[in-house]
Amino acid sequence: MKSEEVIESLIAKTKQINIQVENIKRCDLETLTWRENQNSWSILECIEHLNRYGDYYIPEIEKTLDKSNFKNEEDFKSGLLGNYFAKSMLPKENRNKIKTFKDKNPIHSKLDETVFDTFLKQQNILLDFLNRSKIVSLNKTKIKISISKFIKLKLGDTFQFYINHIIRHFDQIEKIKKLKNINF
């Protein structure tokens, strides 16, 4: 796939997510903190979970982008592991549950609407990184993943994994909306 097409697709997905957040932000706190049961996440907890991953990936991507000496190539070829991780994050009909690491699990945290400010700030930084990545190699530039500092994914795979993870939790938010009969 063309590197430029990969980046433009990810930019479009990120902008769409930002539009969704702006709509969700309009809900009252009671709606944003509603949960189906004691073990399920609220809308705010979904966003906070994404913020916690952003707290890892934003600085890691920035550090790597700043140091990368690899020039962009015309084509991006997803790696075997990176492709697997990225695809595993996409929402499915019979969604596979993935156990959340304790430090990334926001359940029963005291949260308010400020989680949206953090999320949108991270999204804007992500958009900047996507634009900056147009001049570096999506294949040769590597990012350490959050679950193991010893595993590195191609920058293109990391972006796809990270954004698919966000999409996955926005799918979860859509399910919460349906359960609570929320319209926004």
N, C-alpha and C. Protein backbone atom coordinates (compact mmCIF):
# COMPACT_ATOMS: atom_id res chain seq x y z
N MET A 1 0.85 -1.18 0.00
CA MET A 1 0.00 0.00 0.00
C MET A 1 0.90 1.25 0.00
N LYS A 2 0.46 2.26 -0.63
CA LYS A 2 1.22 3.51 -0.70
C LYS A 2 1.29 4.15 0.70
N SER A 3 2.46 4.56 1.09
CA SER A 3 2.66 5.19 2.41
C SER A 3 1.75 6.39 2.59
N GLU A 4 1.67 7.21 1.56
CA GLU A 4 0.83 8.41 1.64
C GLU A 4 -0.64 8.07 1.86
N GLU A 5 -1.11 7.00 1.21
CA GLU A 5 -2.51 6.57 1.39
C GLU A 5 -2.76 6.08 2.81
N VAL A 6 -1.79 5.38 3.37
CA VAL A 6 -1.92 4.90 4.75
C VAL A 6 -2.08 6.09 5.69
N ILE A 7 -1.19 7.06 5.55
CA ILE A 7 -1.23 8.23 6.43
C ILE A 7 -2.52 9.02 6.25
N GLU A 8 -2.92 9.26 5.01
CA GLU A 8 -4.14 10.03 4.76
C GLU A 8 -5.37 9.31 5.32
N SER A 9 -5.41 8.00 5.22
CA SER A 9 -6.51 7.22 5.78
C SER A 9 -6.55 7.36 7.31
N LEU A 10 -5.39 7.30 7.93
CA LEU A 10 -5.32 7.43 9.40
C LEU A 10 -5.67 8.84 9.86
N ILE A 11 -5.30 9.84 9.08
CA ILE A 11 -5.67 11.22 9.39
C ILE A 11 -7.19 11.36 9.32
N ALA A 12 -7.80 10.80 8.28
CA ALA A 12 -9.26 10.88 8.13
C ALA A 12 -9.97 10.19 9.29
N LYS A 13 -9.48 9.03 9.70
CA LYS A 13 -10.08 8.30 10.83
C LYS A 13 -9.96 9.11 12.12
N THR A 14 -8.81 9.73 12.32
CA THR A 14 -8.58 10.53 13.53
C THR A 14 -9.49 11.74 13.55
N LYS A 15 -9.66 12.39 12.42
CA LYS A 15 -10.57 13.54 12.36
C LYS A 15 -12.01 13.12 12.63
N GLN A 16 -12.40 11.96 12.14
CA GLN A 16 -13.75 11.45 12.39
C GLN A 16 -13.96 11.16 13.88
N ILE A 17 -12.95 10.62 14.51
CA ILE A 17 -13.02 10.36 15.95
C ILE A 17 -13.19 11.68 16.70
N ASN A 18 -12.48 12.71 16.29
CA ASN A 18 -12.59 14.02 16.94
C ASN A 18 -14.00 14.58 16.84
N ILE A 19 -14.64 14.38 15.70
CA ILE A 19 -16.02 14.82 15.52
C ILE A 19 -16.94 14.06 16.49
N GLN A 20 -16.72 12.76 16.62
CA GLN A 20 -17.52 11.95 17.55
C GLN A 20 -17.35 12.45 18.99
N VAL A 21 -16.13 12.77 19.36
CA VAL A 21 -15.87 13.25 20.73
C VAL A 21 -16.61 14.56 20.99
N GLU A 22 -16.58 15.45 20.02
CA GLU A 22 -17.27 16.73 20.20
C GLU A 22 -18.77 16.51 20.45
N ASN A 23 -19.36 15.50 19.82
CA ASN A 23 -20.76 15.18 20.06
C ASN A 23 -20.98 14.55 21.43
N ILE A 24 -20.11 13.63 21.79
CA ILE A 24 -20.23 12.95 23.08
C ILE A 24 -20.08 13.93 24.24
N LYS A 25 -19.18 14.89 24.08
CA LYS A 25 -18.91 15.88 25.15
C LYS A 25 -20.17 16.62 25.61
N ARG A 26 -21.17 16.70 24.77
CA ARG A 26 -22.38 17.46 25.10
C ARG A 26 -23.26 16.76 26.13
N CYS A 27 -23.00 15.50 26.39
CA CYS A 27 -23.84 14.75 27.34
C CYS A 27 -23.58 15.22 28.77
N ASP A 28 -24.58 15.02 29.61
CA ASP A 28 -24.41 15.37 31.02
C ASP A 28 -23.57 14.30 31.72
N LEU A 29 -23.06 14.65 32.89
CA LEU A 29 -22.17 13.77 33.64
C LEU A 29 -22.84 12.45 34.00
N GLU A 30 -24.11 12.49 34.31
CA GLU A 30 -24.83 11.25 34.65
C GLU A 30 -24.80 10.27 33.48
N THR A 31 -25.01 10.76 32.29
CA THR A 31 -24.98 9.92 31.09
C THR A 31 -23.56 9.41 30.84
N LEU A 32 -22.59 10.28 31.01
CA LEU A 32 -21.19 9.92 30.73
C LEU A 32 -20.63 8.91 31.73
N THR A 33 -21.23 8.83 32.92
CA THR A 33 -20.73 7.90 33.94
C THR A 33 -21.62 6.67 34.11
N TRP A 34 -22.70 6.57 33.32
CA TRP A 34 -23.59 5.42 33.41
C TRP A 34 -22.86 4.16 32.95
N ARG A 35 -23.11 3.08 33.65
CA ARG A 35 -22.54 1.78 33.27
C ARG A 35 -23.62 0.72 33.32
N GLU A 36 -23.51 -0.26 32.46
CA GLU A 36 -24.49 -1.33 32.39
C GLU A 36 -24.50 -2.15 33.68
N ASN A 37 -23.32 -2.42 34.22
CA ASN A 37 -23.18 -3.16 35.48
C ASN A 37 -21.88 -2.77 36.15
N GLN A 38 -21.62 -3.31 37.31
CA GLN A 38 -20.43 -2.93 38.10
C GLN A 38 -19.11 -3.23 37.41
N ASN A 39 -19.13 -4.18 36.48
CA ASN A 39 -17.89 -4.58 35.82
C ASN A 39 -17.71 -3.98 34.43
N SER A 40 -18.68 -3.19 34.00
CA SER A 40 -18.57 -2.58 32.68
C SER A 40 -18.08 -1.14 32.80
N TRP A 41 -17.55 -0.62 31.71
CA TRP A 41 -17.03 0.73 31.70
C TRP A 41 -18.11 1.72 31.28
N SER A 42 -17.96 2.92 31.78
CA SER A 42 -18.79 4.05 31.35
C SER A 42 -18.11 4.70 30.13
N ILE A 43 -18.79 5.65 29.54
CA ILE A 43 -18.21 6.39 28.41
C ILE A 43 -16.93 7.10 28.86
N LEU A 44 -16.98 7.75 30.02
CA LEU A 44 -15.77 8.45 30.49
C LEU A 44 -14.62 7.48 30.74
N GLU A 45 -14.94 6.29 31.23
CA GLU A 45 -13.88 5.31 31.47
C GLU A 45 -13.27 4.82 30.16
N CYS A 46 -14.08 4.70 29.12
CA CYS A 46 -13.53 4.34 27.80
C CYS A 46 -12.54 5.39 27.33
N ILE A 47 -12.91 6.66 27.48
CA ILE A 47 -12.04 7.75 27.05
C ILE A 47 -10.78 7.80 27.92
N GLU A 48 -10.94 7.63 29.23
CA GLU A 48 -9.79 7.66 30.13
C GLU A 48 -8.82 6.51 29.80
N HIS A 49 -9.36 5.35 29.48
CA HIS A 49 -8.52 4.22 29.08
C HIS A 49 -7.66 4.61 27.87
N LEU A 50 -8.28 5.26 26.90
CA LEU A 50 -7.54 5.71 25.72
C LEU A 50 -6.50 6.75 26.09
N ASN A 51 -6.82 7.63 27.04
CA ASN A 51 -5.85 8.63 27.50
C ASN A 51 -4.62 7.95 28.11
N ARG A 52 -4.85 6.89 28.86
CA ARG A 52 -3.73 6.20 29.50
C ARG A 52 -2.81 5.56 28.46
N TYR A 53 -3.39 5.04 27.38
CA TYR A 53 -2.54 4.53 26.30
C TYR A 53 -1.85 5.68 25.58
N GLY A 54 -2.56 6.78 25.41
CA GLY A 54 -1.94 7.96 24.81
C GLY A 54 -0.76 8.46 25.62
N ASP A 55 -0.86 8.37 26.95
CA ASP A 55 0.24 8.78 27.82
C ASP A 55 1.51 7.98 27.54
N TYR A 56 1.35 6.77 27.05
CA TYR A 56 2.52 5.98 26.66
C TYR A 56 2.93 6.29 25.21
N TYR A 57 1.98 6.15 24.29
CA TYR A 57 2.33 6.21 22.86
C TYR A 57 2.70 7.60 22.36
N ILE A 58 2.08 8.64 22.85
CA ILE A 58 2.40 9.99 22.37
C ILE A 58 3.88 10.32 22.59
N PRO A 59 4.41 10.20 23.81
CA PRO A 59 5.84 10.50 23.99
C PRO A 59 6.75 9.53 23.24
N GLU A 60 6.35 8.27 23.17
CA GLU A 60 7.17 7.26 22.49
C GLU A 60 7.27 7.56 20.98
N ILE A 61 6.15 7.90 20.38
CA ILE A 61 6.15 8.24 18.96
C ILE A 61 6.94 9.53 18.72
N GLU A 62 6.74 10.52 19.59
CA GLU A 62 7.46 11.79 19.43
C GLU A 62 8.97 11.58 19.49
N LYS A 63 9.41 10.84 20.49
CA LYS A 63 10.84 10.58 20.65
C LYS A 63 11.41 9.88 19.42
N THR A 64 10.68 8.92 18.91
CA THR A 64 11.14 8.16 17.75
C THR A 64 11.11 9.00 16.48
N LEU A 65 10.04 9.79 16.30
CA LEU A 65 9.98 10.67 15.12
C LEU A 65 11.13 11.67 15.14
N ASP A 66 11.43 12.22 16.31
CA ASP A 66 12.50 13.21 16.42
C ASP A 66 13.87 12.63 16.06
N LYS A 67 14.06 11.33 16.34
CA LYS A 67 15.36 10.70 16.10
C LYS A 67 15.47 9.99 14.76
N SER A 68 14.37 9.78 14.08
CA SER A 68 14.40 8.97 12.85
C SER A 68 15.20 9.65 11.75
N ASN A 69 16.14 8.87 11.20
CA ASN A 69 16.92 9.33 10.05
C ASN A 69 16.50 8.62 8.77
N PHE A 70 15.47 7.80 8.87
CA PHE A 70 15.01 7.03 7.72
C PHE A 70 14.03 7.85 6.90
N LYS A 71 14.33 8.02 5.64
CA LYS A 71 13.47 8.80 4.74
C LYS A 71 12.27 7.95 4.31
N ASN A 72 11.20 8.65 3.98
CA ASN A 72 9.98 7.96 3.59
C ASN A 72 10.17 7.15 2.31
N GLU A 73 9.41 6.07 2.21
CA GLU A 73 9.38 5.27 0.99
C GLU A 73 8.00 5.40 0.38
N GLU A 74 7.92 5.05 -0.87
CA GLU A 74 6.64 5.13 -1.57
C GLU A 74 5.62 4.15 -1.00
N ASP A 75 6.08 2.94 -0.64
CA ASP A 75 5.16 1.89 -0.18
C ASP A 75 5.41 1.52 1.28
N PHE A 76 4.31 1.19 1.95
CA PHE A 76 4.37 0.66 3.31
C PHE A 76 3.91 -0.78 3.27
N LYS A 77 4.70 -1.66 3.89
CA LYS A 77 4.33 -3.07 4.00
C LYS A 77 4.26 -3.42 5.47
N SER A 78 3.05 -3.72 5.91
CA SER A 78 2.83 -4.05 7.31
C SER A 78 3.63 -5.28 7.70
N GLY A 79 4.17 -5.28 8.92
CA GLY A 79 4.89 -6.43 9.43
C GLY A 79 3.91 -7.49 9.93
N LEU A 80 4.38 -8.71 10.06
CA LEU A 80 3.53 -9.82 10.49
C LEU A 80 2.92 -9.55 11.86
N LEU A 81 3.74 -9.20 12.82
CA LEU A 81 3.25 -8.94 14.18
C LEU A 81 2.44 -7.65 14.24
N GLY A 82 2.92 -6.62 13.58
CA GLY A 82 2.21 -5.34 13.58
C GLY A 82 0.84 -5.45 12.94
N ASN A 83 0.77 -6.16 11.84
CA ASN A 83 -0.51 -6.38 11.16
C ASN A 83 -1.47 -7.15 12.07
N TYR A 84 -0.95 -8.17 12.75
CA TYR A 84 -1.77 -8.96 13.67
C TYR A 84 -2.32 -8.07 14.79
N PHE A 85 -1.45 -7.29 15.43
CA PHE A 85 -1.89 -6.41 16.52
C PHE A 85 -2.91 -5.39 16.03
N ALA A 86 -2.64 -4.77 14.88
CA ALA A 86 -3.54 -3.74 14.35
C ALA A 86 -4.92 -4.34 14.05
N LYS A 87 -4.95 -5.48 13.39
CA LYS A 87 -6.23 -6.11 13.05
C LYS A 87 -6.96 -6.62 14.28
N SER A 88 -6.22 -7.06 15.29
CA SER A 88 -6.86 -7.58 16.51
C SER A 88 -7.62 -6.50 17.27
N MET A 89 -7.29 -5.25 17.01
CA MET A 89 -7.96 -4.14 17.69
C MET A 89 -9.28 -3.76 17.04
N LEU A 90 -9.46 -4.10 15.78
CA LEU A 90 -10.68 -3.69 15.09
C LEU A 90 -11.92 -4.34 15.70
N PRO A 91 -13.00 -3.58 15.81
CA PRO A 91 -14.24 -4.15 16.35
C PRO A 91 -14.76 -5.26 15.45
N LYS A 92 -15.30 -6.28 16.09
CA LYS A 92 -15.90 -7.40 15.37
C LYS A 92 -17.30 -7.62 15.91
N GLU A 93 -18.10 -8.35 15.13
CA GLU A 93 -19.47 -8.64 15.54
C GLU A 93 -19.50 -9.35 16.90
N ASN A 94 -18.80 -10.47 16.99
CA ASN A 94 -18.66 -11.17 18.27
C ASN A 94 -17.28 -10.82 18.81
N ARG A 95 -17.22 -9.66 19.41
CA ARG A 95 -15.97 -9.05 19.82
C ARG A 95 -15.19 -9.92 20.78
N ASN A 96 -13.92 -10.05 20.49
CA ASN A 96 -13.04 -10.78 21.39
C ASN A 96 -12.63 -9.85 22.53
N LYS A 97 -12.94 -10.27 23.75
CA LYS A 97 -12.57 -9.48 24.92
C LYS A 97 -11.06 -9.57 25.11
N ILE A 98 -10.48 -8.44 25.43
CA ILE A 98 -9.05 -8.38 25.69
C ILE A 98 -8.88 -7.87 27.11
N LYS A 99 -8.15 -8.61 27.92
CA LYS A 99 -7.92 -8.21 29.30
C LYS A 99 -7.07 -6.94 29.31
N THR A 100 -7.54 -5.95 30.06
CA THR A 100 -6.83 -4.67 30.16
C THR A 100 -5.80 -4.75 31.29
N PHE A 101 -4.63 -4.21 31.02
CA PHE A 101 -3.61 -4.14 32.06
C PHE A 101 -4.10 -3.23 33.18
N LYS A 102 -3.75 -3.58 34.40
CA LYS A 102 -4.25 -2.87 35.57
C LYS A 102 -3.99 -1.36 35.49
N ASP A 103 -2.81 -0.96 35.06
CA ASP A 103 -2.50 0.47 35.00
C ASP A 103 -3.25 1.21 33.89
N LYS A 104 -3.89 0.47 32.99
CA LYS A 104 -4.67 1.08 31.91
C LYS A 104 -6.17 0.94 32.14
N ASN A 105 -6.55 0.31 33.26
CA ASN A 105 -7.97 0.07 33.55
C ASN A 105 -8.51 1.19 34.44
N PRO A 106 -9.42 2.01 33.92
CA PRO A 106 -9.94 3.15 34.68
C PRO A 106 -11.20 2.86 35.49
N ILE A 107 -11.63 1.59 35.53
CA ILE A 107 -12.92 1.29 36.15
C ILE A 107 -12.99 1.85 37.58
N HIS A 108 -14.09 2.50 37.85
CA HIS A 108 -14.41 3.10 39.15
C HIS A 108 -13.48 4.25 39.54
N SER A 109 -12.76 4.81 38.56
CA SER A 109 -11.97 6.01 38.82
C SER A 109 -12.91 7.21 38.90
N LYS A 110 -12.54 8.20 39.69
CA LYS A 110 -13.34 9.42 39.75
C LYS A 110 -12.96 10.28 38.55
N LEU A 111 -13.88 10.38 37.61
CA LEU A 111 -13.60 11.08 36.35
C LEU A 111 -14.65 12.16 36.10
N ASP A 112 -14.25 13.15 35.33
CA ASP A 112 -15.20 14.17 34.90
C ASP A 112 -14.90 14.51 33.43
N GLU A 113 -15.54 15.55 32.95
CA GLU A 113 -15.45 15.90 31.54
C GLU A 113 -14.05 16.29 31.08
N THR A 114 -13.13 16.53 32.01
CA THR A 114 -11.77 16.91 31.61
C THR A 114 -11.05 15.79 30.85
N VAL A 115 -11.56 14.55 30.96
CA VAL A 115 -10.93 13.47 30.19
C VAL A 115 -11.02 13.76 28.69
N PHE A 116 -12.06 14.48 28.27
CA PHE A 116 -12.20 14.84 26.86
C PHE A 116 -11.12 15.82 26.43
N ASP A 117 -10.78 16.76 27.32
CA ASP A 117 -9.73 17.74 27.00
C ASP A 117 -8.40 17.02 26.75
N THR A 118 -8.08 16.09 27.63
CA THR A 118 -6.85 15.32 27.48
C THR A 118 -6.88 14.52 26.18
N PHE A 119 -8.00 13.87 25.94
CA PHE A 119 -8.12 13.05 24.73
C PHE A 119 -7.96 13.89 23.47
N LEU A 120 -8.66 15.00 23.41
CA LEU A 120 -8.57 15.85 22.21
C LEU A 120 -7.17 16.43 22.03
N LYS A 121 -6.53 16.75 23.13
CA LYS A 121 -5.15 17.24 23.05
C LYS A 121 -4.26 16.15 22.45
N GLN A 122 -4.42 14.92 22.93
CA GLN A 122 -3.64 13.81 22.39
C GLN A 122 -3.97 13.57 20.92
N GLN A 123 -5.24 13.70 20.56
CA GLN A 123 -5.64 13.51 19.16
C GLN A 123 -5.00 14.55 18.25
N ASN A 124 -4.93 15.78 18.71
CA ASN A 124 -4.29 16.84 17.92
C ASN A 124 -2.80 16.60 17.76
N ILE A 125 -2.18 16.11 18.81
CA ILE A 125 -0.75 15.75 18.72
C ILE A 125 -0.59 14.59 17.74
N LEU A 126 -1.50 13.62 17.81
CA LEU A 126 -1.46 12.48 16.89
C LEU A 126 -1.57 12.95 15.44
N LEU A 127 -2.47 13.88 15.18
CA LEU A 127 -2.60 14.43 13.82
C LEU A 127 -1.29 15.08 13.38
N ASP A 128 -0.65 15.80 14.28
CA ASP A 128 0.64 16.41 13.96
C ASP A 128 1.68 15.33 13.64
N PHE A 129 1.71 14.27 14.44
CA PHE A 129 2.66 13.17 14.20
C PHE A 129 2.40 12.50 12.86
N LEU A 130 1.12 12.29 12.53
CA LEU A 130 0.78 11.68 11.25
C LEU A 130 1.29 12.54 10.10
N ASN A 131 1.12 13.84 10.21
CA ASN A 131 1.63 14.75 9.18
C ASN A 131 3.16 14.75 9.13
N ARG A 132 3.78 14.74 10.29
CA ARG A 132 5.25 14.70 10.34
C ARG A 132 5.80 13.40 9.78
N SER A 133 5.03 12.33 9.91
CA SER A 133 5.52 11.02 9.48
C SER A 133 5.55 10.88 7.97
N LYS A 134 5.02 11.84 7.26
CA LYS A 134 5.03 11.77 5.79
C LYS A 134 6.45 11.84 5.23
N ILE A 135 7.40 12.32 6.02
CA ILE A 135 8.77 12.43 5.52
C ILE A 135 9.72 11.39 6.11
N VAL A 136 9.20 10.50 6.96
CA VAL A 136 10.04 9.43 7.52
C VAL A 136 9.53 8.07 7.06
N SER A 137 10.35 7.08 7.22
CA SER A 137 9.99 5.72 6.82
C SER A 137 8.97 5.12 7.78
N LEU A 138 7.85 4.69 7.23
CA LEU A 138 6.85 3.97 8.04
C LEU A 138 7.30 2.53 8.27
N ASN A 139 8.28 2.08 7.47
CA ASN A 139 8.78 0.71 7.55
C ASN A 139 9.97 0.56 8.48
N LYS A 140 10.93 1.47 8.38
CA LYS A 140 12.19 1.33 9.12
C LYS A 140 12.16 2.02 10.48
N THR A 141 11.31 3.01 10.65
CA THR A 141 11.19 3.69 11.94
C THR A 141 10.38 2.77 12.85
N LYS A 142 10.92 2.45 14.03
CA LYS A 142 10.29 1.46 14.92
C LYS A 142 9.93 2.08 16.26
N ILE A 143 8.81 1.59 16.81
CA ILE A 143 8.27 2.08 18.09
C ILE A 143 8.19 0.93 19.08
N LYS A 144 8.67 1.15 20.30
CA LYS A 144 8.51 0.16 21.37
C LYS A 144 7.04 0.13 21.78
N ILE A 145 6.49 -1.07 21.91
CA ILE A 145 5.08 -1.17 22.29
C ILE A 145 4.92 -1.14 23.79
N SER A 146 3.71 -0.86 24.23
CA SER A 146 3.46 -0.66 25.67
C SER A 146 3.56 -1.93 26.48
N ILE A 147 3.30 -3.10 25.89
CA ILE A 147 3.31 -4.33 26.68
C ILE A 147 4.69 -4.93 26.82
N SER A 148 5.66 -4.51 25.99
CA SER A 148 7.02 -5.02 26.09
C SER A 148 7.98 -4.05 25.41
N LYS A 149 8.94 -3.58 26.14
CA LYS A 149 9.93 -2.66 25.59
C LYS A 149 10.87 -3.38 24.60
N PHE A 150 10.80 -4.70 24.58
CA PHE A 150 11.67 -5.48 23.70
C PHE A 150 11.06 -5.70 22.32
N ILE A 151 9.76 -5.46 22.20
CA ILE A 151 9.10 -5.62 20.91
C ILE A 151 8.90 -4.23 20.30
N LYS A 152 9.35 -4.10 19.06
CA LYS A 152 9.17 -2.85 18.34
C LYS A 152 8.36 -3.13 17.08
N LEU A 153 7.43 -2.23 16.81
CA LEU A 153 6.63 -2.32 15.59
C LEU A 153 7.02 -1.19 14.64
N LYS A 154 6.81 -1.43 13.37
CA LYS A 154 7.01 -0.38 12.39
C LYS A 154 6.11 0.79 12.74
N LEU A 155 6.57 2.00 12.44
CA LEU A 155 5.79 3.19 12.73
C LEU A 155 4.39 3.11 12.11
N GLY A 156 4.30 2.65 10.86
CA GLY A 156 3.01 2.51 10.20
C GLY A 156 2.09 1.55 10.93
N ASP A 157 2.64 0.43 11.40
CA ASP A 157 1.85 -0.53 12.18
C ASP A 157 1.43 0.04 13.52
N THR A 158 2.33 0.80 14.14
CA THR A 158 2.02 1.40 15.44
C THR A 158 0.86 2.38 15.30
N PHE A 159 0.91 3.23 14.29
CA PHE A 159 -0.21 4.15 14.05
C PHE A 159 -1.51 3.39 13.83
N GLN A 160 -1.46 2.33 13.01
CA GLN A 160 -2.67 1.56 12.73
C GLN A 160 -3.20 0.88 13.99
N PHE A 161 -2.32 0.29 14.77
CA PHE A 161 -2.71 -0.35 16.03
C PHE A 161 -3.35 0.68 16.96
N TYR A 162 -2.67 1.79 17.15
CA TYR A 162 -3.12 2.82 18.09
C TYR A 162 -4.48 3.39 17.69
N ILE A 163 -4.65 3.70 16.43
CA ILE A 163 -5.92 4.27 15.96
C ILE A 163 -7.02 3.21 15.94
N ASN A 164 -6.69 1.97 15.58
CA ASN A 164 -7.69 0.90 15.65
C ASN A 164 -8.14 0.65 17.09
N HIS A 165 -7.22 0.80 18.03
CA HIS A 165 -7.57 0.66 19.44
C HIS A 165 -8.59 1.74 19.84
N ILE A 166 -8.38 2.94 19.37
CA ILE A 166 -9.34 4.02 19.63
C ILE A 166 -10.69 3.69 18.99
N ILE A 167 -10.66 3.24 17.75
CA ILE A 167 -11.90 2.87 17.05
C ILE A 167 -12.63 1.77 17.82
N ARG A 168 -11.90 0.82 18.33
CA ARG A 168 -12.49 -0.29 19.11
C ARG A 168 -13.29 0.26 20.29
N HIS A 169 -12.72 1.23 21.00
CA HIS A 169 -13.40 1.76 22.19
C HIS A 169 -14.52 2.72 21.82
N PHE A 170 -14.46 3.32 20.65
CA PHE A 170 -15.60 4.12 20.20
C PHE A 170 -16.75 3.21 19.79
N ASP A 171 -16.43 2.02 19.32
CA ASP A 171 -17.46 1.01 19.08
C ASP A 171 -18.10 0.61 20.42
N GLN A 172 -17.28 0.49 21.44
CA GLN A 172 -17.79 0.18 22.78
C GLN A 172 -18.71 1.31 23.27
N ILE A 173 -18.33 2.54 23.02
CA ILE A 173 -19.17 3.69 23.39
C ILE A 173 -20.51 3.63 22.65
N GLU A 174 -20.47 3.25 21.39
CA GLU A 174 -21.73 3.11 20.62
C GLU A 174 -22.64 2.06 21.27
N LYS A 175 -22.05 0.99 21.76
CA LYS A 175 -22.85 -0.05 22.43
C LYS A 175 -23.45 0.49 23.73
N ILE A 176 -22.70 1.29 24.46
CA ILE A 176 -23.20 1.92 25.70
C ILE A 176 -24.37 2.84 25.34
N LYS A 177 -24.21 3.62 24.28
CA LYS A 177 -25.28 4.52 23.83
C LYS A 177 -26.57 3.74 23.56
N LYS A 178 -26.45 2.62 22.88
CA LYS A 178 -27.64 1.81 22.57
C LYS A 178 -28.28 1.24 23.83
N LEU A 179 -27.46 0.76 24.74
CA LEU A 179 -27.98 0.19 25.99
C LEU A 179 -28.72 1.24 26.82
N LYS A 180 -28.20 2.43 26.85
CA LYS A 180 -28.77 3.53 27.64
C LYS A 180 -29.79 4.34 26.84
N ASN A 181 -29.89 4.02 25.55
CA ASN A 181 -30.78 4.75 24.65
C ASN A 181 -30.42 6.25 24.60
N ILE A 182 -29.14 6.49 24.35
CA ILE A 182 -28.59 7.85 24.29
C ILE A 182 -28.51 8.27 22.82
N ASN A 183 -28.91 9.48 22.54
CA ASN A 183 -28.76 10.03 21.20
C ASN A 183 -27.87 11.25 21.26
N PHE A 184 -26.76 11.19 20.53
CA PHE A 184 -25.90 12.37 20.35
C PHE A 184 -25.17 12.26 19.06
